[in-house]
Amino acid sequence: MEFSREEQRAIIKFFCAKGENCVNIHRELVSVCGDSALDYSNVNRWMVKFKKGRVSSTNLPCPGRPCSSRTDANKEHVENLNLSDRQVTVQDICAHTGLTHGTVMRIIKEDLQMTKASARWVPKKLDDSKKEIRMTCSEEMLTRHHSDPHFLEKLVTMDETWIPLSNPETKR
C-alpha cells in the first residue's frame, strides 16, 4: 500500500502520541509503505516537531521573497512606455523604470503578451477591437487608392506595419 508524505506524517504523529520511539515508527512505516516510506532522518525530524507541540502534518508555506517587481503599476508603466514609443529598447525601459532586464522581458512577453517584430514591440494576438481598427485602416487605404492611383506607391509595407515613405520622426 502506498501512502503520501502527508499521510505518513499523520502516522508519525499518531505513533508519537502513543509514545513510540523513532526507530519503531520508522520500522513500521517501512513495513507498510516499503520503498516509498520516509527515511529515518525525516521521521526523526517530524517526531521532534510533534513532540514540541506541532499540530499540523502538512508543510507550512515557505515565505520566500515576494514578487515585488511585477506589480500592476510596473506592468502599466512598461506598457505605457512601449505604447508611447514603439522603438524603445529594453535597456531604455530598464533605465527608466529601475527594473532588471529579466523582469522587463517577463512583463513584455508574459504579462503584456507582446513580441518583437521589425524592431518594434507588437501584440502577439489581435483582439476584436484591434482587428476592427486594422479593417478600418485597410478600408481607408483602399478609398485613398481609388481617389489617387499613385497613393500605394508612396507606402512601404513590412511585417504588417505601414510606414510612409517620408517619415520625419525616424530615430536614426
N, C-alpha and C. Protein backbone atom coordinates (compact mmCIF):
# COMPACT_ATOMS: atom_id res chain seq x y z
N MET A 1 0.86 -1.18 0.00
CA MET A 1 0.00 0.00 0.00
C MET A 1 0.89 1.24 0.00
N GLU A 2 0.46 2.27 -0.71
CA GLU A 2 1.27 3.48 -0.82
C GLU A 2 0.57 4.64 -0.11
N PHE A 3 1.32 5.33 0.72
CA PHE A 3 0.82 6.48 1.45
C PHE A 3 1.56 7.73 0.98
N SER A 4 0.84 8.86 0.94
CA SER A 4 1.50 10.12 0.59
C SER A 4 2.37 10.56 1.76
N ARG A 5 3.22 11.53 1.53
CA ARG A 5 4.09 12.05 2.59
C ARG A 5 3.26 12.62 3.74
N GLU A 6 2.20 13.30 3.40
CA GLU A 6 1.34 13.88 4.44
C GLU A 6 0.68 12.79 5.29
N GLU A 7 0.24 11.73 4.63
CA GLU A 7 -0.36 10.62 5.37
C GLU A 7 0.67 9.94 6.28
N GLN A 8 1.90 9.80 5.78
CA GLN A 8 2.96 9.21 6.60
C GLN A 8 3.27 10.10 7.82
N ARG A 9 3.22 11.40 7.63
CA ARG A 9 3.43 12.31 8.76
C ARG A 9 2.31 12.16 9.79
N ALA A 10 1.09 11.93 9.32
CA ALA A 10 -0.03 11.71 10.25
C ALA A 10 0.19 10.41 11.04
N ILE A 11 0.74 9.40 10.38
CA ILE A 11 1.05 8.14 11.08
C ILE A 11 2.13 8.38 12.13
N ILE A 12 3.15 9.18 11.77
CA ILE A 12 4.21 9.53 12.73
C ILE A 12 3.60 10.25 13.92
N LYS A 13 2.67 11.16 13.64
CA LYS A 13 2.01 11.91 14.71
C LYS A 13 1.25 10.96 15.64
N PHE A 14 0.57 9.99 15.04
CA PHE A 14 -0.20 9.02 15.83
C PHE A 14 0.71 8.21 16.76
N PHE A 15 1.79 7.64 16.17
CA PHE A 15 2.70 6.84 16.98
C PHE A 15 3.43 7.69 18.01
N CYS A 16 3.71 8.93 17.68
CA CYS A 16 4.35 9.84 18.63
C CYS A 16 3.42 10.08 19.82
N ALA A 17 2.13 10.21 19.56
CA ALA A 17 1.15 10.42 20.63
C ALA A 17 1.04 9.15 21.51
N LYS A 18 1.27 7.99 20.90
CA LYS A 18 1.23 6.74 21.66
C LYS A 18 2.49 6.55 22.50
N GLY A 19 3.56 7.34 22.20
CA GLY A 19 4.80 7.24 22.95
C GLY A 19 5.83 6.31 22.34
N GLU A 20 5.65 5.96 21.06
CA GLU A 20 6.63 5.09 20.39
C GLU A 20 7.92 5.87 20.12
N ASN A 21 9.03 5.13 20.03
CA ASN A 21 10.30 5.81 19.69
C ASN A 21 10.48 5.85 18.18
N CYS A 22 11.47 6.64 17.75
CA CYS A 22 11.68 6.93 16.34
C CYS A 22 12.03 5.67 15.55
N VAL A 23 12.84 4.78 16.10
CA VAL A 23 13.26 3.57 15.40
C VAL A 23 12.05 2.69 15.10
N ASN A 24 11.17 2.52 16.07
CA ASN A 24 9.98 1.68 15.86
C ASN A 24 9.03 2.30 14.85
N ILE A 25 8.89 3.62 14.91
CA ILE A 25 8.00 4.30 13.94
C ILE A 25 8.53 4.10 12.53
N HIS A 26 9.83 4.29 12.35
CA HIS A 26 10.42 4.13 11.02
C HIS A 26 10.27 2.69 10.55
N ARG A 27 10.49 1.73 11.42
CA ARG A 27 10.35 0.32 11.08
C ARG A 27 8.92 0.02 10.63
N GLU A 28 7.93 0.56 11.32
CA GLU A 28 6.52 0.34 10.96
C GLU A 28 6.21 0.96 9.59
N LEU A 29 6.73 2.17 9.35
CA LEU A 29 6.49 2.82 8.06
C LEU A 29 7.10 2.00 6.92
N VAL A 30 8.31 1.49 7.12
CA VAL A 30 8.96 0.70 6.07
C VAL A 30 8.20 -0.60 5.84
N SER A 31 7.69 -1.21 6.91
CA SER A 31 6.96 -2.47 6.74
C SER A 31 5.66 -2.26 5.98
N VAL A 32 5.01 -1.11 6.16
CA VAL A 32 3.73 -0.85 5.49
C VAL A 32 3.93 -0.20 4.12
N CYS A 33 4.81 0.81 4.03
CA CYS A 33 4.96 1.60 2.80
C CYS A 33 6.05 1.08 1.86
N GLY A 34 6.97 0.30 2.37
CA GLY A 34 8.04 -0.22 1.51
C GLY A 34 9.01 0.88 1.12
N ASP A 35 9.35 0.92 -0.19
CA ASP A 35 10.34 1.88 -0.69
C ASP A 35 9.85 3.33 -0.64
N SER A 36 8.55 3.53 -0.60
CA SER A 36 8.03 4.90 -0.59
C SER A 36 7.97 5.50 0.81
N ALA A 37 8.48 4.77 1.82
CA ALA A 37 8.45 5.28 3.19
C ALA A 37 9.44 6.42 3.37
N LEU A 38 9.12 7.33 4.27
CA LEU A 38 10.04 8.40 4.60
C LEU A 38 11.31 7.81 5.20
N ASP A 39 12.46 8.46 4.96
CA ASP A 39 13.69 7.95 5.54
C ASP A 39 13.74 8.28 7.03
N TYR A 40 14.72 7.68 7.69
CA TYR A 40 14.80 7.78 9.15
C TYR A 40 14.97 9.23 9.61
N SER A 41 15.78 10.02 8.89
CA SER A 41 16.02 11.40 9.31
C SER A 41 14.73 12.24 9.25
N ASN A 42 13.92 12.01 8.24
CA ASN A 42 12.64 12.72 8.15
C ASN A 42 11.68 12.30 9.25
N VAL A 43 11.65 11.01 9.54
CA VAL A 43 10.79 10.51 10.61
C VAL A 43 11.21 11.16 11.93
N ASN A 44 12.53 11.21 12.17
CA ASN A 44 13.05 11.81 13.39
C ASN A 44 12.71 13.31 13.46
N ARG A 45 12.90 14.00 12.35
CA ARG A 45 12.62 15.44 12.32
C ARG A 45 11.16 15.73 12.63
N TRP A 46 10.24 14.97 11.99
CA TRP A 46 8.82 15.20 12.23
C TRP A 46 8.41 14.78 13.64
N MET A 47 9.04 13.76 14.16
CA MET A 47 8.73 13.34 15.53
C MET A 47 9.11 14.43 16.52
N VAL A 48 10.27 15.06 16.32
CA VAL A 48 10.70 16.17 17.19
C VAL A 48 9.70 17.32 17.09
N LYS A 49 9.24 17.62 15.88
CA LYS A 49 8.27 18.71 15.70
C LYS A 49 6.97 18.42 16.44
N PHE A 50 6.48 17.18 16.34
CA PHE A 50 5.23 16.83 17.03
C PHE A 50 5.40 16.85 18.55
N LYS A 51 6.57 16.43 19.02
CA LYS A 51 6.82 16.46 20.47
C LYS A 51 6.88 17.89 21.01
N LYS A 52 7.32 18.84 20.13
CA LYS A 52 7.39 20.25 20.54
C LYS A 52 6.04 20.93 20.46
N GLY A 53 5.01 20.22 20.02
CA GLY A 53 3.67 20.79 20.02
C GLY A 53 3.09 21.10 18.66
N ARG A 54 3.75 20.72 17.59
CA ARG A 54 3.20 20.97 16.26
C ARG A 54 1.94 20.14 16.08
N VAL A 55 0.92 20.77 15.49
CA VAL A 55 -0.38 20.12 15.33
C VAL A 55 -0.57 19.62 13.90
N SER A 56 -0.20 20.42 12.94
CA SER A 56 -0.45 20.09 11.54
C SER A 56 0.63 19.16 10.99
N SER A 57 0.21 18.25 10.11
CA SER A 57 1.17 17.36 9.46
C SER A 57 1.46 17.79 8.03
N THR A 58 0.94 18.95 7.63
CA THR A 58 1.21 19.48 6.30
C THR A 58 2.39 20.43 6.36
N ASN A 59 3.05 20.58 5.23
CA ASN A 59 4.15 21.53 5.14
C ASN A 59 3.59 22.94 5.22
N LEU A 60 4.25 23.78 5.97
CA LEU A 60 3.84 25.19 6.02
C LEU A 60 4.35 25.89 4.78
N PRO A 61 3.61 26.84 4.27
CA PRO A 61 4.09 27.55 3.08
C PRO A 61 5.35 28.34 3.40
N CYS A 62 6.31 28.24 2.52
CA CYS A 62 7.57 28.98 2.70
C CYS A 62 7.34 30.41 2.26
N PRO A 63 7.78 31.38 3.06
CA PRO A 63 7.51 32.76 2.69
C PRO A 63 8.26 33.17 1.44
N GLY A 64 9.55 32.87 1.34
CA GLY A 64 10.32 33.24 0.16
C GLY A 64 10.30 34.74 -0.07
N ARG A 65 10.88 35.14 -1.15
CA ARG A 65 10.91 36.55 -1.48
C ARG A 65 9.66 36.90 -2.26
N PRO A 66 8.96 37.95 -1.87
CA PRO A 66 7.74 38.31 -2.60
C PRO A 66 8.07 38.87 -3.98
N CYS A 67 7.17 38.65 -4.90
CA CYS A 67 7.34 39.18 -6.25
C CYS A 67 6.93 40.64 -6.23
N SER A 68 7.90 41.49 -5.95
CA SER A 68 7.59 42.91 -5.79
C SER A 68 7.80 43.70 -7.06
N SER A 69 8.44 43.12 -8.05
CA SER A 69 8.76 43.90 -9.24
C SER A 69 7.71 43.79 -10.34
N ARG A 70 6.93 42.71 -10.36
CA ARG A 70 5.93 42.54 -11.41
C ARG A 70 4.55 42.97 -10.90
N THR A 71 4.49 44.17 -10.36
CA THR A 71 3.23 44.69 -9.85
C THR A 71 2.42 45.27 -11.01
N ASP A 72 1.16 45.54 -10.75
CA ASP A 72 0.29 46.13 -11.78
C ASP A 72 0.79 47.51 -12.20
N ALA A 73 1.32 48.27 -11.24
CA ALA A 73 1.83 49.60 -11.56
C ALA A 73 3.03 49.51 -12.49
N ASN A 74 3.95 48.56 -12.24
CA ASN A 74 5.11 48.40 -13.11
C ASN A 74 4.71 47.89 -14.49
N LYS A 75 3.72 46.99 -14.52
CA LYS A 75 3.24 46.49 -15.82
C LYS A 75 2.64 47.62 -16.64
N GLU A 76 1.86 48.46 -15.98
CA GLU A 76 1.24 49.59 -16.67
C GLU A 76 2.29 50.59 -17.15
N HIS A 77 3.32 50.81 -16.31
CA HIS A 77 4.39 51.74 -16.67
C HIS A 77 5.15 51.23 -17.90
N VAL A 78 5.49 49.94 -17.93
CA VAL A 78 6.19 49.35 -19.07
C VAL A 78 5.30 49.42 -20.31
N GLU A 79 4.02 49.15 -20.16
CA GLU A 79 3.11 49.20 -21.30
C GLU A 79 3.00 50.61 -21.85
N ASN A 80 2.91 51.61 -20.97
CA ASN A 80 2.82 52.99 -21.43
C ASN A 80 4.09 53.42 -22.15
N LEU A 81 5.25 53.00 -21.65
CA LEU A 81 6.50 53.32 -22.33
C LEU A 81 6.54 52.68 -23.71
N ASN A 82 6.06 51.45 -23.78
CA ASN A 82 6.04 50.73 -25.05
C ASN A 82 5.09 51.37 -26.05
N LEU A 83 3.93 51.77 -25.58
CA LEU A 83 2.94 52.35 -26.49
C LEU A 83 3.31 53.77 -26.91
N SER A 84 3.98 54.51 -26.04
CA SER A 84 4.35 55.87 -26.40
C SER A 84 5.47 55.92 -27.42
N ASP A 85 6.37 54.93 -27.37
CA ASP A 85 7.48 54.86 -28.32
C ASP A 85 7.71 53.41 -28.68
N ARG A 86 7.27 53.00 -29.86
CA ARG A 86 7.36 51.60 -30.25
C ARG A 86 8.79 51.15 -30.51
N GLN A 87 9.73 52.10 -30.65
CA GLN A 87 11.11 51.73 -30.91
C GLN A 87 11.96 51.77 -29.64
N VAL A 88 11.33 51.84 -28.49
CA VAL A 88 12.06 51.88 -27.23
C VAL A 88 12.73 50.52 -27.00
N THR A 89 13.94 50.54 -26.45
CA THR A 89 14.66 49.30 -26.19
C THR A 89 14.40 48.83 -24.77
N VAL A 90 14.70 47.58 -24.51
CA VAL A 90 14.52 47.03 -23.17
C VAL A 90 15.45 47.75 -22.20
N GLN A 91 16.67 48.09 -22.66
CA GLN A 91 17.60 48.82 -21.80
C GLN A 91 17.05 50.19 -21.42
N ASP A 92 16.38 50.86 -22.36
CA ASP A 92 15.76 52.15 -22.05
C ASP A 92 14.67 52.00 -21.01
N ILE A 93 13.86 50.95 -21.15
CA ILE A 93 12.79 50.71 -20.18
C ILE A 93 13.40 50.41 -18.81
N CYS A 94 14.48 49.60 -18.79
CA CYS A 94 15.15 49.28 -17.52
C CYS A 94 15.66 50.55 -16.86
N ALA A 95 16.29 51.43 -17.64
CA ALA A 95 16.84 52.67 -17.08
C ALA A 95 15.73 53.58 -16.57
N HIS A 96 14.61 53.60 -17.27
CA HIS A 96 13.52 54.50 -16.91
C HIS A 96 12.74 54.00 -15.69
N THR A 97 12.56 52.65 -15.59
CA THR A 97 11.74 52.10 -14.51
C THR A 97 12.55 51.61 -13.31
N GLY A 98 13.83 51.31 -13.53
CA GLY A 98 14.65 50.77 -12.44
C GLY A 98 14.48 49.27 -12.27
N LEU A 99 13.80 48.61 -13.20
CA LEU A 99 13.60 47.17 -13.14
C LEU A 99 14.76 46.46 -13.84
N THR A 100 14.94 45.18 -13.54
CA THR A 100 16.01 44.43 -14.18
C THR A 100 15.59 44.03 -15.59
N HIS A 101 16.58 43.64 -16.38
CA HIS A 101 16.34 43.25 -17.77
C HIS A 101 15.38 42.06 -17.83
N GLY A 102 15.63 41.05 -16.99
CA GLY A 102 14.77 39.86 -16.98
C GLY A 102 13.34 40.18 -16.61
N THR A 103 13.16 41.06 -15.63
CA THR A 103 11.81 41.43 -15.20
C THR A 103 11.07 42.15 -16.32
N VAL A 104 11.75 43.08 -16.98
CA VAL A 104 11.12 43.82 -18.09
C VAL A 104 10.74 42.85 -19.21
N MET A 105 11.63 41.90 -19.52
CA MET A 105 11.33 40.93 -20.57
C MET A 105 10.14 40.06 -20.19
N ARG A 106 10.06 39.63 -18.92
CA ARG A 106 8.93 38.82 -18.48
C ARG A 106 7.63 39.61 -18.56
N ILE A 107 7.67 40.88 -18.17
CA ILE A 107 6.46 41.71 -18.24
C ILE A 107 6.01 41.85 -19.69
N ILE A 108 6.96 42.13 -20.59
CA ILE A 108 6.62 42.35 -22.00
C ILE A 108 6.08 41.07 -22.63
N LYS A 109 6.78 39.96 -22.43
CA LYS A 109 6.40 38.73 -23.11
C LYS A 109 5.25 37.98 -22.44
N GLU A 110 5.30 37.83 -21.11
CA GLU A 110 4.30 37.00 -20.44
C GLU A 110 3.06 37.80 -20.03
N ASP A 111 3.24 38.97 -19.46
CA ASP A 111 2.11 39.73 -18.94
C ASP A 111 1.41 40.54 -20.03
N LEU A 112 2.20 41.22 -20.87
CA LEU A 112 1.60 42.06 -21.91
C LEU A 112 1.39 41.29 -23.22
N GLN A 113 1.89 40.05 -23.30
CA GLN A 113 1.72 39.21 -24.48
C GLN A 113 2.18 39.92 -25.75
N MET A 114 3.40 40.48 -25.73
CA MET A 114 3.92 41.18 -26.89
C MET A 114 5.12 40.42 -27.44
N THR A 115 5.39 40.62 -28.71
CA THR A 115 6.55 40.03 -29.35
C THR A 115 7.24 41.10 -30.19
N LYS A 116 8.51 40.89 -30.51
CA LYS A 116 9.26 41.90 -31.24
C LYS A 116 9.19 41.59 -32.73
N ALA A 117 8.82 42.59 -33.52
CA ALA A 117 8.75 42.45 -34.96
C ALA A 117 9.28 43.74 -35.59
N SER A 118 10.32 43.61 -36.40
CA SER A 118 10.93 44.76 -37.07
C SER A 118 11.31 45.85 -36.09
N ALA A 119 11.99 45.48 -35.03
CA ALA A 119 12.50 46.41 -34.01
C ALA A 119 11.39 47.16 -33.29
N ARG A 120 10.19 46.59 -33.27
CA ARG A 120 9.07 47.19 -32.55
C ARG A 120 8.38 46.11 -31.74
N TRP A 121 7.86 46.49 -30.58
CA TRP A 121 7.09 45.55 -29.77
C TRP A 121 5.64 45.64 -30.20
N VAL A 122 5.09 44.52 -30.62
CA VAL A 122 3.70 44.49 -31.08
C VAL A 122 2.95 43.39 -30.33
N PRO A 123 1.64 43.53 -30.19
CA PRO A 123 0.87 42.49 -29.51
C PRO A 123 0.94 41.17 -30.26
N LYS A 124 0.99 40.05 -29.52
CA LYS A 124 1.03 38.73 -30.15
C LYS A 124 -0.30 38.40 -30.80
N LYS A 125 -1.38 38.62 -30.07
CA LYS A 125 -2.70 38.24 -30.56
C LYS A 125 -3.54 39.49 -30.72
N LEU A 126 -4.31 39.50 -31.79
CA LEU A 126 -5.20 40.62 -32.03
C LEU A 126 -6.57 40.31 -31.44
N ASP A 127 -7.07 41.23 -30.64
CA ASP A 127 -8.43 41.05 -30.16
C ASP A 127 -9.38 41.69 -31.17
N ASP A 128 -10.67 41.63 -30.90
CA ASP A 128 -11.66 42.11 -31.86
C ASP A 128 -11.53 43.60 -32.14
N SER A 129 -11.20 44.40 -31.11
CA SER A 129 -11.08 45.84 -31.34
C SER A 129 -9.89 46.15 -32.24
N LYS A 130 -8.77 45.44 -32.06
CA LYS A 130 -7.59 45.66 -32.91
C LYS A 130 -7.88 45.22 -34.34
N LYS A 131 -8.61 44.13 -34.50
CA LYS A 131 -8.98 43.68 -35.84
C LYS A 131 -9.86 44.72 -36.53
N GLU A 132 -10.77 45.32 -35.76
CA GLU A 132 -11.66 46.33 -36.32
C GLU A 132 -10.88 47.57 -36.75
N ILE A 133 -9.90 47.97 -35.95
CA ILE A 133 -9.05 49.12 -36.29
C ILE A 133 -8.28 48.83 -37.57
N ARG A 134 -7.73 47.63 -37.68
CA ARG A 134 -6.99 47.27 -38.90
C ARG A 134 -7.91 47.26 -40.13
N MET A 135 -9.14 46.78 -39.93
CA MET A 135 -10.09 46.75 -41.04
C MET A 135 -10.44 48.17 -41.48
N THR A 136 -10.64 49.06 -40.52
CA THR A 136 -10.95 50.46 -40.83
C THR A 136 -9.79 51.10 -41.58
N CYS A 137 -8.56 50.86 -41.12
CA CYS A 137 -7.38 51.42 -41.81
C CYS A 137 -7.27 50.88 -43.22
N SER A 138 -7.52 49.59 -43.38
CA SER A 138 -7.44 48.99 -44.71
C SER A 138 -8.48 49.59 -45.65
N GLU A 139 -9.69 49.76 -45.16
CA GLU A 139 -10.72 50.36 -46.00
C GLU A 139 -10.37 51.80 -46.35
N GLU A 140 -9.80 52.53 -45.40
CA GLU A 140 -9.39 53.92 -45.67
C GLU A 140 -8.28 53.96 -46.72
N MET A 141 -7.33 53.04 -46.64
CA MET A 141 -6.26 52.99 -47.64
C MET A 141 -6.83 52.64 -49.02
N LEU A 142 -7.80 51.75 -49.06
CA LEU A 142 -8.41 51.39 -50.33
C LEU A 142 -9.16 52.58 -50.93
N THR A 143 -9.84 53.34 -50.07
CA THR A 143 -10.54 54.53 -50.54
C THR A 143 -9.55 55.56 -51.10
N ARG A 144 -8.44 55.74 -50.39
CA ARG A 144 -7.40 56.67 -50.88
C ARG A 144 -6.82 56.19 -52.21
N HIS A 145 -6.65 54.89 -52.34
CA HIS A 145 -6.11 54.34 -53.59
C HIS A 145 -7.06 54.62 -54.76
N HIS A 146 -8.37 54.50 -54.50
CA HIS A 146 -9.33 54.78 -55.57
C HIS A 146 -9.33 56.25 -55.96
N SER A 147 -9.11 57.13 -55.00
CA SER A 147 -9.09 58.57 -55.32
C SER A 147 -7.75 59.00 -55.91
N ASP A 148 -6.65 58.36 -55.50
CA ASP A 148 -5.31 58.69 -56.02
C ASP A 148 -4.62 57.39 -56.39
N PRO A 149 -4.55 57.05 -57.67
CA PRO A 149 -3.98 55.77 -58.08
C PRO A 149 -2.50 55.59 -57.69
N HIS A 150 -1.78 56.66 -57.45
CA HIS A 150 -0.36 56.57 -57.11
C HIS A 150 -0.13 56.56 -55.59
N PHE A 151 -1.20 56.49 -54.84
CA PHE A 151 -1.09 56.54 -53.36
C PHE A 151 -0.28 55.37 -52.80
N LEU A 152 -0.55 54.17 -53.30
CA LEU A 152 0.13 52.99 -52.77
C LEU A 152 1.62 52.97 -53.12
N GLU A 153 2.02 53.70 -54.14
CA GLU A 153 3.43 53.77 -54.50
C GLU A 153 4.23 54.58 -53.46
N LYS A 154 3.53 55.35 -52.66
CA LYS A 154 4.19 56.18 -51.65
C LYS A 154 4.36 55.46 -50.31
N LEU A 155 3.85 54.24 -50.21
CA LEU A 155 3.92 53.49 -48.96
C LEU A 155 4.93 52.35 -49.07
N VAL A 156 5.60 52.10 -47.96
CA VAL A 156 6.46 50.93 -47.85
C VAL A 156 5.86 50.07 -46.74
N THR A 157 5.57 48.81 -47.04
CA THR A 157 4.96 47.94 -46.02
C THR A 157 5.92 46.81 -45.70
N MET A 158 5.87 46.39 -44.41
CA MET A 158 6.73 45.29 -43.98
C MET A 158 6.20 44.77 -42.66
N ASP A 159 6.03 43.49 -42.52
CA ASP A 159 5.57 42.88 -41.28
C ASP A 159 4.30 43.52 -40.75
N GLU A 160 3.35 43.81 -41.61
CA GLU A 160 2.06 44.38 -41.24
C GLU A 160 2.17 45.76 -40.59
N THR A 161 3.29 46.43 -40.78
CA THR A 161 3.46 47.80 -40.27
C THR A 161 3.53 48.72 -41.47
N TRP A 162 2.68 49.72 -41.51
CA TRP A 162 2.66 50.64 -42.64
C TRP A 162 3.45 51.88 -42.28
N ILE A 163 4.43 52.18 -43.10
CA ILE A 163 5.30 53.32 -42.83
C ILE A 163 5.28 54.23 -44.05
N PRO A 164 4.96 55.51 -43.86
CA PRO A 164 5.03 56.44 -45.01
C PRO A 164 6.48 56.56 -45.47
N LEU A 165 6.66 56.82 -46.78
CA LEU A 165 7.99 56.90 -47.34
C LEU A 165 8.79 58.05 -46.72
N SER A 166 8.15 59.16 -46.46
CA SER A 166 8.85 60.28 -45.84
C SER A 166 8.40 60.37 -44.39
N ASN A 167 9.18 59.83 -43.48
CA ASN A 167 8.86 59.82 -42.06
C ASN A 167 9.87 60.71 -41.30
N PRO A 168 9.45 61.91 -40.89
CA PRO A 168 10.40 62.81 -40.22
C PRO A 168 10.73 62.38 -38.79
N GLU A 169 10.03 61.39 -38.23
CA GLU A 169 10.25 61.02 -36.83
C GLU A 169 11.18 59.84 -36.66
N THR A 170 12.06 59.58 -37.65
CA THR A 170 12.98 58.46 -37.50
C THR A 170 14.00 58.78 -36.43
N LYS A 171 14.41 57.77 -35.73
CA LYS A 171 15.35 57.96 -34.63
C LYS A 171 16.79 58.03 -35.13
N ARG A 172 17.05 57.39 -36.26
CA ARG A 172 18.44 57.34 -36.77
C ARG A 172 18.53 57.89 -38.14
